[in-house]
Protein backbone atom coordinates (compact mmCIF):
# COMPACT_ATOMS: atom_id res chain seq x y z
CA MET A 1 -68.37 -12.00 21.60
CA ARG A 2 -65.67 -13.89 23.64
CA LEU A 3 -64.04 -12.96 26.74
CA ALA A 4 -60.03 -13.57 27.02
CA SER A 5 -57.29 -12.63 29.61
CA VAL A 6 -54.54 -10.51 28.76
CA LYS A 7 -52.10 -13.44 29.50
CA ASP A 8 -54.12 -15.63 27.26
CA VAL A 9 -53.95 -13.26 24.21
CA LYS A 10 -50.36 -12.59 24.59
CA ASN A 11 -49.45 -16.29 24.51
CA LYS A 12 -52.11 -17.04 21.50
CA LEU A 13 -52.10 -13.69 19.84
CA SER A 14 -52.36 -15.43 16.20
CA ASP A 15 -55.24 -17.62 17.37
CA TYR A 16 -56.94 -14.26 18.55
CA LEU A 17 -56.44 -12.40 15.56
CA LYS A 18 -58.16 -15.23 13.65
CA LYS A 19 -60.92 -15.35 16.00
CA ALA A 20 -61.15 -11.40 15.87
CA GLU A 21 -62.03 -12.10 12.20
CA HIS A 22 -65.37 -13.44 13.24
CA GLU A 23 -66.31 -11.78 16.47
CA ASP A 24 -65.03 -9.21 18.68
CA ILE A 25 -62.48 -10.16 21.64
CA ILE A 26 -62.95 -8.45 24.82
CA ILE A 27 -59.44 -8.47 26.71
CA THR A 28 -59.68 -8.84 30.48
CA LYS A 29 -56.96 -7.98 32.97
CA ASN A 30 -57.56 -9.19 36.67
CA GLY A 31 -61.03 -10.09 35.45
CA ARG A 32 -62.19 -6.50 34.27
CA PRO A 33 -62.63 -5.51 30.36
CA THR A 34 -59.69 -3.31 29.46
CA ALA A 35 -59.73 -3.60 25.68
CA VAL A 36 -61.54 -5.05 22.63
CA LEU A 37 -59.83 -6.92 19.89
CA HIS A 38 -61.92 -6.07 16.63
CA HIS A 39 -61.00 -7.21 13.14
CA LEU A 40 -60.53 -4.25 10.41
CA GLY A 41 -60.47 -5.24 6.85
CA ASP A 42 -58.62 -3.15 4.10
CA ASP A 43 -61.66 -0.84 3.46
CA ASP A 44 -62.27 -0.53 7.28
CA LEU A 45 -59.16 1.21 8.27
CA GLU A 46 -59.89 4.80 6.81
CA ASP A 47 -63.27 4.86 8.29
CA TYR A 48 -62.36 3.65 11.57
CA VAL A 49 -59.71 6.41 12.03
CA ILE A 50 -62.02 9.02 10.94
CA GLU A 51 -64.78 7.94 13.16
CA HIS A 52 -62.60 8.15 16.32
CA ASP A 53 -60.74 11.23 15.43
CA PRO A 54 -61.75 13.68 18.36
CA LYS A 55 -61.35 16.77 15.73
CA PHE A 56 -63.74 15.05 13.09
CA ARG A 57 -66.19 14.22 15.92
CA LYS A 58 -66.25 18.02 17.23
CA ILE A 59 -67.22 19.16 13.45
CA ILE A 60 -69.77 16.37 13.21
CA GLU A 61 -71.17 17.58 16.33
CA LYS A 62 -71.17 21.40 15.45
CA ARG A 63 -72.80 20.75 11.85
CA TRP A 64 -75.51 18.62 13.62
CA LYS A 65 -76.23 21.36 16.01
CA GLU A 66 -76.81 23.96 13.12
CA TYR A 67 -78.83 21.61 11.14
CA SER A 68 -80.95 20.89 14.32
CA ILE A 69 -81.54 24.74 14.49
CA ARG A 70 -81.82 25.82 10.80
CA GLY A 71 -82.80 22.70 9.14
CA GLY A 72 -81.09 21.35 5.80
CA ASN A 73 -81.52 21.78 2.10
CA PRO A 74 -84.22 19.71 0.15
CA LEU A 75 -82.56 17.05 -1.94
CA GLU A 76 -83.69 18.63 -5.32
CA LYS A 77 -81.38 21.78 -4.14
CA VAL A 78 -78.35 19.84 -3.56
CA ILE A 79 -78.79 17.67 -7.01
CA LYS A 80 -79.13 21.12 -8.66
CA ARG A 81 -76.15 22.47 -7.12
CA LEU A 82 -73.98 19.36 -7.76
CA SER A 83 -74.89 19.35 -11.37
CA GLU A 84 -73.89 22.85 -12.05
């Protein structure tokens, strides 16, 4: 993980994009962290969008609470349902 100022990233964006392929870059403004430059590959974009979608997160939280209260289905039952 590397720290870089907004000014430096602005002046050398291409260099930092290449560096971000190997490590996250924490961008600072006035010495305080303000953003992260994180590499996304072709296969990562969809996962990133879904994981950071507030509606999707609410659905997952709701389902997790339901699972915690009622439990889940045994794997054998799920496999049987999928094969029907």
